[in-house]
Amino acid sequence: DCFVLIKQGKTTPLMPYSLRLHVIEADRI
């Protein structure tokens, strides 16, 4: 299995979207 954390990052004028994906190894859960 695999896990993906849904995070919010900083936005910029050229990138106004804050959604970030953080893929986590199965062993860390």
Full PDB file with SEQRES, HELIX, SHEET, SSBOND, CRYST1, ORIGX, SCALE, CONECT and MASTER records, all heavy atoms in Angstrom:
SEQRES   1 A   29  ASP CYS PHE VAL LEU ILE LYS GLN GLY LYS THR THR PRO          
SEQRES   2 A   29  LEU MET PRO TYR SER LEU ARG LEU HIS VAL ILE GLU ALA          
SEQRES   3 A   29  ASP ARG ILE                                                  
HELIX    1 AA1 ALA A   26  ARG A   28  5                                   3    
SHEET    1 AA1 2 PHE A   3  GLN A   8  0                                        
SHEET    2 AA1 2 LEU A  19  ILE A  24 -1                                        
CRYST1    1.000    1.000    1.000  90.00  90.00  90.00 P 1           1          
ORIGX1      1.000000  0.000000  0.000000        0.00000                         
ORIGX2      0.000000  1.000000  0.000000        0.00000                         
ORIGX3      0.000000  0.000000  1.000000        0.00000                         
SCALE1      1.000000  0.000000  0.000000        0.00000                         
SCALE2      0.000000  1.000000  0.000000        0.00000                         
SCALE3      0.000000  0.000000  1.000000        0.00000                         
ATOM      1  N   ASP A   1       0.839  -1.183   0.000  1.00  0.00           N  
ATOM      2  CA  ASP A   1       0.000   0.000   0.000  1.00  0.00           C  
ATOM      3  C   ASP A   1       0.879   1.240   0.000  1.00  0.00           C  
ATOM      4  O   ASP A   1       2.103   1.161   0.133  1.00  0.00           O  
ATOM      5  CB  ASP A   1      -0.985   0.022   1.180  1.00  0.00           C  
ATOM      6  CG  ASP A   1      -0.325  -0.247   2.530  1.00  0.00           C  
ATOM      7  OD1 ASP A   1       0.910  -0.220   2.592  1.00  0.00           O  
ATOM      8  OD2 ASP A   1      -1.047  -0.491   3.508  1.00  0.00           O  
ATOM      9  N   CYS A   2       0.248   2.383  -0.180  1.00  0.00           N  
ATOM     10  CA  CYS A   2       0.974   3.643  -0.253  1.00  0.00           C  
ATOM     11  C   CYS A   2       0.048   4.735   0.279  1.00  0.00           C  
ATOM     12  O   CYS A   2      -1.178   4.616   0.199  1.00  0.00           O  
ATOM     13  CB  CYS A   2       1.388   3.936  -1.694  1.00  0.00           C  
ATOM     14  SG  CYS A   2       2.420   5.416  -1.885  1.00  0.00           S  
ATOM     15  N   PHE A   3       0.632   5.789   0.832  1.00  0.00           N  
ATOM     16  CA  PHE A   3      -0.149   6.851   1.448  1.00  0.00           C  
ATOM     17  C   PHE A   3       0.255   8.195   0.856  1.00  0.00           C  
ATOM     18  O   PHE A   3       1.423   8.429   0.566  1.00  0.00           O  
ATOM     19  CB  PHE A   3       0.050   6.862   2.958  1.00  0.00           C  
ATOM     20  CG  PHE A   3      -0.403   5.602   3.634  1.00  0.00           C  
ATOM     21  CD1 PHE A   3       0.427   4.480   3.663  1.00  0.00           C  
ATOM     22  CD2 PHE A   3      -1.642   5.517   4.227  1.00  0.00           C  
ATOM     23  CE1 PHE A   3       0.019   3.307   4.277  1.00  0.00           C  
ATOM     24  CE2 PHE A   3      -2.062   4.347   4.847  1.00  0.00           C  
ATOM     25  CZ  PHE A   3      -1.232   3.244   4.866  1.00  0.00           C  
ATOM     26  N   VAL A   4      -0.732   9.062   0.699  1.00  0.00           N  
ATOM     27  CA  VAL A   4      -0.480  10.407   0.172  1.00  0.00           C  
ATOM     28  C   VAL A   4      -1.130  11.422   1.098  1.00  0.00           C  
ATOM     29  O   VAL A   4      -2.358  11.442   1.253  1.00  0.00           O  
ATOM     30  CB  VAL A   4      -1.037  10.576  -1.257  1.00  0.00           C  
ATOM     31  CG1 VAL A   4      -0.670  11.966  -1.793  1.00  0.00           C  
ATOM     32  CG2 VAL A   4      -0.508   9.488  -2.181  1.00  0.00           C  
ATOM     33  N   LEU A   5      -0.311  12.244   1.731  1.00  0.00           N  
ATOM     34  CA  LEU A   5      -0.822  13.308   2.596  1.00  0.00           C  
ATOM     35  C   LEU A   5      -1.294  14.488   1.754  1.00  0.00           C  
ATOM     36  O   LEU A   5      -0.625  14.900   0.794  1.00  0.00           O  
ATOM     37  CB  LEU A   5       0.273  13.786   3.543  1.00  0.00           C  
ATOM     38  CG  LEU A   5       0.473  13.033   4.854  1.00  0.00           C  
ATOM     39  CD1 LEU A   5       1.660  13.613   5.607  1.00  0.00           C  
ATOM     40  CD2 LEU A   5      -0.764  13.079   5.716  1.00  0.00           C  
ATOM     41  N   ILE A   6      -2.464  15.024   2.103  1.00  0.00           N  
ATOM     42  CA  ILE A   6      -2.974  16.218   1.446  1.00  0.00           C  
ATOM     43  C   ILE A   6      -2.547  17.423   2.273  1.00  0.00           C  
ATOM     44  O   ILE A   6      -2.980  17.605   3.411  1.00  0.00           O  
ATOM     45  CB  ILE A   6      -4.507  16.185   1.343  1.00  0.00           C  
ATOM     46  CG1 ILE A   6      -4.964  14.862   0.704  1.00  0.00           C  
ATOM     47  CG2 ILE A   6      -5.017  17.378   0.555  1.00  0.00           C  
ATOM     48  CD1 ILE A   6      -4.502  14.655  -0.708  1.00  0.00           C  
ATOM     49  N   LYS A   7      -1.677  18.249   1.715  1.00  0.00           N  
ATOM     50  CA  LYS A   7      -1.139  19.399   2.437  1.00  0.00           C  
ATOM     51  C   LYS A   7      -1.500  20.712   1.748  1.00  0.00           C  
ATOM     52  O   LYS A   7      -1.963  20.720   0.605  1.00  0.00           O  
ATOM     53  CB  LYS A   7       0.386  19.291   2.554  1.00  0.00           C  
ATOM     54  CG  LYS A   7       0.881  18.160   3.444  1.00  0.00           C  
ATOM     55  CD  LYS A   7       2.398  18.210   3.567  1.00  0.00           C  
ATOM     56  CE  LYS A   7       2.911  17.208   4.583  1.00  0.00           C  
ATOM     57  NZ  LYS A   7       4.391  17.291   4.736  1.00  0.00           N  
ATOM     58  N   GLN A   8      -1.263  21.793   2.451  1.00  0.00           N  
ATOM     59  CA  GLN A   8      -1.446  23.130   1.895  1.00  0.00           C  
ATOM     60  C   GLN A   8      -0.123  23.870   1.975  1.00  0.00           C  
ATOM     61  O   GLN A   8       0.487  23.938   3.041  1.00  0.00           O  
ATOM     62  CB  GLN A   8      -2.524  23.900   2.661  1.00  0.00           C  
ATOM     63  CG  GLN A   8      -3.890  23.244   2.661  1.00  0.00           C  
ATOM     64  CD  GLN A   8      -4.485  23.138   1.270  1.00  0.00           C  
ATOM     65  OE1 GLN A   8      -4.336  24.059   0.455  1.00  0.00           O  
ATOM     66  NE2 GLN A   8      -5.151  22.035   0.976  1.00  0.00           N  
ATOM     67  N   GLY A   9       0.330  24.388   0.836  1.00  0.00           N  
ATOM     68  CA  GLY A   9       1.595  25.107   0.786  1.00  0.00           C  
ATOM     69  C   GLY A   9       1.389  26.592   0.535  1.00  0.00           C  
ATOM     70  O   GLY A   9       0.260  27.087   0.478  1.00  0.00           O  
ATOM     71  N   LYS A  10       2.488  27.289   0.362  1.00  0.00           N  
ATOM     72  CA  LYS A  10       2.427  28.729   0.106  1.00  0.00           C  
ATOM     73  C   LYS A  10       2.054  28.990  -1.352  1.00  0.00           C  
ATOM     74  O   LYS A  10       2.411  28.246  -2.244  1.00  0.00           O  
ATOM     75  CB  LYS A  10       3.780  29.378   0.427  1.00  0.00           C  
ATOM     76  CG  LYS A  10       4.155  29.327   1.905  1.00  0.00           C  
ATOM     77  CD  LYS A  10       5.482  30.023   2.144  1.00  0.00           C  
ATOM     78  CE  LYS A  10       5.846  29.984   3.626  1.00  0.00           C  
ATOM     79  NZ  LYS A  10       7.145  30.651   3.887  1.00  0.00           N  
ATOM     80  N   THR A  11       1.336  30.074  -1.560  1.00  0.00           N  
ATOM     81  CA  THR A  11       0.963  30.479  -2.914  1.00  0.00           C  
ATOM     82  C   THR A  11       1.811  31.660  -3.363  1.00  0.00           C  
ATOM     83  O   THR A  11       2.384  32.385  -2.546  1.00  0.00           O  
ATOM     84  CB  THR A  11      -0.526  30.865  -2.976  1.00  0.00           C  
ATOM     85  OG1 THR A  11      -0.763  31.970  -2.085  1.00  0.00           O  
ATOM     86  CG2 THR A  11      -1.401  29.694  -2.543  1.00  0.00           C  
ATOM     87  N   THR A  12       1.890  31.835  -4.671  1.00  0.00           N  
ATOM     88  CA  THR A  12       2.605  32.962  -5.263  1.00  0.00           C  
ATOM     89  C   THR A  12       1.720  33.563  -6.352  1.00  0.00           C  
ATOM     90  O   THR A  12       0.740  32.941  -6.783  1.00  0.00           O  
ATOM     91  CB  THR A  12       3.938  32.506  -5.882  1.00  0.00           C  
ATOM     92  OG1 THR A  12       3.660  31.645  -7.004  1.00  0.00           O  
ATOM     93  CG2 THR A  12       4.791  31.739  -4.869  1.00  0.00           C  
ATOM     94  N   PRO A  13       2.041  34.757  -6.827  1.00  0.00           N  
ATOM     95  CA  PRO A  13       1.240  35.350  -7.908  1.00  0.00           C  
ATOM     96  C   PRO A  13       1.193  34.470  -9.161  1.00  0.00           C  
ATOM     97  O   PRO A  13       0.192  34.463  -9.877  1.00  0.00           O  
ATOM     98  CB  PRO A  13       1.957  36.675  -8.180  1.00  0.00           C  
ATOM     99  CG  PRO A  13       2.602  37.024  -6.883  1.00  0.00           C  
ATOM    100  CD  PRO A  13       3.029  35.717  -6.295  1.00  0.00           C  
ATOM    101  N   LEU A  14       2.270  33.725  -9.409  1.00  0.00           N  
ATOM    102  CA  LEU A  14       2.301  32.863 -10.591  1.00  0.00           C  
ATOM    103  C   LEU A  14       1.759  31.469 -10.306  1.00  0.00           C  
ATOM    104  O   LEU A  14       1.505  30.713 -11.250  1.00  0.00           O  
ATOM    105  CB  LEU A  14       3.732  32.763 -11.124  1.00  0.00           C  
ATOM    106  CG  LEU A  14       4.340  34.052 -11.652  1.00  0.00           C  
ATOM    107  CD1 LEU A  14       5.771  33.812 -12.127  1.00  0.00           C  
ATOM    108  CD2 LEU A  14       3.495  34.620 -12.803  1.00  0.00           C  
ATOM    109  N   MET A  15       1.621  31.115  -9.034  1.00  0.00           N  
ATOM    110  CA  MET A  15       1.079  29.805  -8.675  1.00  0.00           C  
ATOM    111  C   MET A  15       0.098  29.995  -7.521  1.00  0.00           C  
ATOM    112  O   MET A  15       0.473  29.916  -6.351  1.00  0.00           O  
ATOM    113  CB  MET A  15       2.207  28.840  -8.303  1.00  0.00           C  
ATOM    114  CG  MET A  15       1.712  27.432  -7.972  1.00  0.00           C  
ATOM    115  SD  MET A  15       0.505  26.767  -9.149  1.00  0.00           S  
ATOM    116  CE  MET A  15       1.482  26.772 -10.655  1.00  0.00           C  
ATOM    117  N   PRO A  16      -1.171  30.289  -7.840  1.00  0.00           N  
ATOM    118  CA  PRO A  16      -2.144  30.631  -6.796  1.00  0.00           C  
ATOM    119  C   PRO A  16      -2.774  29.427  -6.095  1.00  0.00           C  
ATOM    120  O   PRO A  16      -3.701  29.604  -5.310  1.00  0.00           O  
ATOM    121  CB  PRO A  16      -3.211  31.401  -7.581  1.00  0.00           C  
ATOM    122  CG  PRO A  16      -3.156  30.807  -8.951  1.00  0.00           C  
ATOM    123  CD  PRO A  16      -1.719  30.437  -9.199  1.00  0.00           C  
ATOM    124  N   TYR A  17      -2.272  28.210  -6.363  1.00  0.00           N  
ATOM    125  CA  TYR A  17      -2.898  27.020  -5.799  1.00  0.00           C  
ATOM    126  C   TYR A  17      -2.026  26.455  -4.673  1.00  0.00           C  
ATOM    127  O   TYR A  17      -0.823  26.266  -4.829  1.00  0.00           O  
ATOM    128  CB  TYR A  17      -3.114  25.966  -6.886  1.00  0.00           C  
ATOM    129  CG  TYR A  17      -3.757  26.560  -8.111  1.00  0.00           C  
ATOM    130  CD1 TYR A  17      -3.057  26.691  -9.302  1.00  0.00           C  
ATOM    131  CD2 TYR A  17      -5.066  27.035  -8.055  1.00  0.00           C  
ATOM    132  CE1 TYR A  17      -3.635  27.265 -10.412  1.00  0.00           C  
ATOM    133  CE2 TYR A  17      -5.653  27.611  -9.155  1.00  0.00           C  
ATOM    134  CZ  TYR A  17      -4.943  27.728 -10.340  1.00  0.00           C  
ATOM    135  OH  TYR A  17      -5.519  28.307 -11.429  1.00  0.00           O  
ATOM    136  N   SER A  18      -2.656  26.165  -3.540  1.00  0.00           N  
ATOM    137  CA  SER A  18      -1.907  25.745  -2.356  1.00  0.00           C  
ATOM    138  C   SER A  18      -1.862  24.236  -2.167  1.00  0.00           C  
ATOM    139  O   SER A  18      -1.130  23.754  -1.299  1.00  0.00           O  
ATOM    140  CB  SER A  18      -2.519  26.391  -1.108  1.00  0.00           C  
ATOM    141  OG  SER A  18      -3.871  25.975  -0.948  1.00  0.00           O  
ATOM    142  N   LEU A  19      -2.624  23.477  -2.944  1.00  0.00           N  
ATOM    143  CA  LEU A  19      -2.677  22.021  -2.764  1.00  0.00           C  
ATOM    144  C   LEU A  19      -1.316  21.381  -3.023  1.00  0.00           C  
ATOM    145  O   LEU A  19      -0.682  21.621  -4.042  1.00  0.00           O  
ATOM    146  CB  LEU A  19      -3.708  21.414  -3.721  1.00  0.00           C  
ATOM    147  CG  LEU A  19      -3.817  19.886  -3.723  1.00  0.00           C  
ATOM    148  CD1 LEU A  19      -4.300  19.374  -2.370  1.00  0.00           C  
ATOM    149  CD2 LEU A  19      -4.750  19.414  -4.829  1.00  0.00           C  
ATOM    150  N   ARG A  20      -0.859  20.548  -2.068  1.00  0.00           N  
ATOM    151  CA  ARG A  20       0.396  19.811  -2.209  1.00  0.00           C  
ATOM    152  C   ARG A  20       0.156  18.348  -1.841  1.00  0.00           C  
ATOM    153  O   ARG A  20      -0.620  18.042  -0.935  1.00  0.00           O  
ATOM    154  CB  ARG A  20       1.480  20.388  -1.274  1.00  0.00           C  
ATOM    155  CG  ARG A  20       1.772  21.849  -1.488  1.00  0.00           C  
ATOM    156  CD  ARG A  20       2.490  22.132  -2.808  1.00  0.00           C  
ATOM    157  NE  ARG A  20       2.871  23.522  -2.903  1.00  0.00           N  
ATOM    158  CZ  ARG A  20       2.089  24.484  -3.413  1.00  0.00           C  
ATOM    159  NH1 ARG A  20       0.889  24.181  -3.863  1.00  0.00           N  
ATOM    160  NH2 ARG A  20       2.512  25.741  -3.468  1.00  0.00           N  
ATOM    161  N   LEU A  21       0.860  17.458  -2.532  1.00  0.00           N  
ATOM    162  CA  LEU A  21       0.762  16.023  -2.275  1.00  0.00           C  
ATOM    163  C   LEU A  21       2.093  15.519  -1.738  1.00  0.00           C  
ATOM    164  O   LEU A  21       3.144  15.799  -2.308  1.00  0.00           O  
ATOM    165  CB  LEU A  21       0.410  15.276  -3.566  1.00  0.00           C  
ATOM    166  CG  LEU A  21      -0.853  15.734  -4.288  1.00  0.00           C  
ATOM    167  CD1 LEU A  21      -1.042  14.950  -5.579  1.00  0.00           C  
ATOM    168  CD2 LEU A  21      -2.076  15.600  -3.399  1.00  0.00           C  
ATOM    169  N   HIS A  22       2.042  14.782  -0.634  1.00  0.00           N  
ATOM    170  CA  HIS A  22       3.249  14.242  -0.010  1.00  0.00           C  
ATOM    171  C   HIS A  22       3.117  12.728   0.054  1.00  0.00           C  
ATOM    172  O   HIS A  22       2.352  12.198   0.860  1.00  0.00           O  
ATOM    173  CB  HIS A  22       3.424  14.823   1.392  1.00  0.00           C  
ATOM    174  CG  HIS A  22       4.707  14.444   2.046  1.00  0.00           C  
ATOM    175  ND1 HIS A  22       5.148  15.004   3.228  1.00  0.00           N  
ATOM    176  CD2 HIS A  22       5.673  13.546   1.698  1.00  0.00           C  
ATOM    177  CE1 HIS A  22       6.310  14.475   3.570  1.00  0.00           C  
ATOM    178  NE2 HIS A  22       6.643  13.576   2.660  1.00  0.00           N  
ATOM    179  N   VAL A  23       3.859  12.031  -0.805  1.00  0.00           N  
ATOM    180  CA  VAL A  23       3.810  10.566  -0.858  1.00  0.00           C  
ATOM    181  C   VAL A  23       4.635   9.997   0.284  1.00  0.00           C  
ATOM    182  O   VAL A  23       5.792  10.389   0.484  1.00  0.00           O  
ATOM    183  CB  VAL A  23       4.331  10.050  -2.209  1.00  0.00           C  
ATOM    184  CG1 VAL A  23       4.209   8.525  -2.277  1.00  0.00           C  
ATOM    185  CG2 VAL A  23       3.567  10.688  -3.361  1.00  0.00           C  
ATOM    186  N   ILE A  24       4.043   9.064   1.038  1.00  0.00           N  
ATOM    187  CA  ILE A  24       4.692   8.497   2.218  1.00  0.00           C  
ATOM    188  C   ILE A  24       4.870   6.998   2.042  1.00  0.00           C  
ATOM    189  O   ILE A  24       3.951   6.297   1.597  1.00  0.00           O  
ATOM    190  CB  ILE A  24       3.855   8.770   3.485  1.00  0.00           C  
ATOM    191  CG1 ILE A  24       3.809  10.275   3.755  1.00  0.00           C  
ATOM    192  CG2 ILE A  24       4.422   8.050   4.692  1.00  0.00           C  
ATOM    193  CD1 ILE A  24       3.008  10.630   4.975  1.00  0.00           C  
ATOM    194  N   GLU A  25       6.062   6.505   2.386  1.00  0.00           N  
ATOM    195  CA  GLU A  25       6.345   5.074   2.345  1.00  0.00           C  
ATOM    196  C   GLU A  25       5.441   4.321   3.314  1.00  0.00           C  
ATOM    197  O   GLU A  25       5.100   4.818   4.388  1.00  0.00           O  
ATOM    198  CB  GLU A  25       7.805   4.852   2.733  1.00  0.00           C  
ATOM    199  CG  GLU A  25       8.315   3.450   2.458  1.00  0.00           C  
ATOM    200  CD  GLU A  25       8.932   3.330   1.086  1.00  0.00           C  
ATOM    201  OE1 GLU A  25       8.187   3.019   0.137  1.00  0.00           O  
ATOM    202  OE2 GLU A  25      10.141   3.538   0.963  1.00  0.00           O  
ATOM    203  N   ALA A  26       5.051   3.099   2.931  1.00  0.00           N  
ATOM    204  CA  ALA A  26       4.131   2.301   3.744  1.00  0.00           C  
ATOM    205  C   ALA A  26       4.671   2.063   5.150  1.00  0.00           C  
ATOM    206  O   ALA A  26       3.894   2.000   6.120  1.00  0.00           O  
ATOM    207  CB  ALA A  26       3.861   0.964   3.054  1.00  0.00           C  
ATOM    208  N   ASP A  27       5.992   1.962   5.315  1.00  0.00           N  
ATOM    209  CA  ASP A  27       6.595   1.663   6.612  1.00  0.00           C  
ATOM    210  C   ASP A  27       6.377   2.769   7.645  1.00  0.00           C  
ATOM    211  O   ASP A  27       6.430   2.518   8.844  1.00  0.00           O  
ATOM    212  CB  ASP A  27       8.101   1.441   6.461  1.00  0.00           C  
ATOM    213  CG  ASP A  27       8.422   0.467   5.349  1.00  0.00           C  
ATOM    214  OD1 ASP A  27       8.212   0.823   4.166  1.00  0.00           O  
ATOM    215  OD2 ASP A  27       8.869  -0.641   5.637  1.00  0.00           O  
ATOM    216  N   ARG A  28       6.146   3.987   7.180  1.00  0.00           N  
ATOM    217  CA  ARG A  28       6.003   5.103   8.118  1.00  0.00           C  
ATOM    218  C   ARG A  28       4.616   5.166   8.748  1.00  0.00           C  
ATOM    219  O   ARG A  28       4.414   5.903   9.710  1.00  0.00           O  
ATOM    220  CB  ARG A  28       6.315   6.425   7.409  1.00  0.00           C  
ATOM    221  CG  ARG A  28       7.801   6.600   7.093  1.00  0.00           C  
ATOM    222  CD  ARG A  28       8.074   7.974   6.514  1.00  0.00           C  
ATOM    223  NE  ARG A  28       7.652   9.028   7.426  1.00  0.00           N  
ATOM    224  CZ  ARG A  28       7.538  10.306   7.062  1.00  0.00           C  
ATOM    225  NH1 ARG A  28       7.794  10.671   5.812  1.00  0.00           N  
ATOM    226  NH2 ARG A  28       7.155  11.216   7.946  1.00  0.00           N  
ATOM    227  N   ILE A  29       3.669   4.421   8.224  1.00  0.00           N  
ATOM    228  CA  ILE A  29       2.356   4.312   8.858  1.00  0.00           C  
ATOM    229  C   ILE A  29       2.400   3.081   9.754  1.00  0.00           C  
ATOM    230  O   ILE A  29       2.462   1.952   9.288  1.00  0.00           O  
ATOM    231  CB  ILE A  29       1.233   4.162   7.812  1.00  0.00           C  
ATOM    232  CG1 ILE A  29       1.313   5.290   6.790  1.00  0.00           C  
ATOM    233  CG2 ILE A  29      -0.123   4.118   8.502  1.00  0.00           C  
ATOM    234  CD1 ILE A  29       1.098   6.670   7.362  1.00  0.00           C  
TER     235      ILE A  29                                                      
MASTER        0    0    0    1    2    0    0    6  234    1    0    3          
END                                                                             
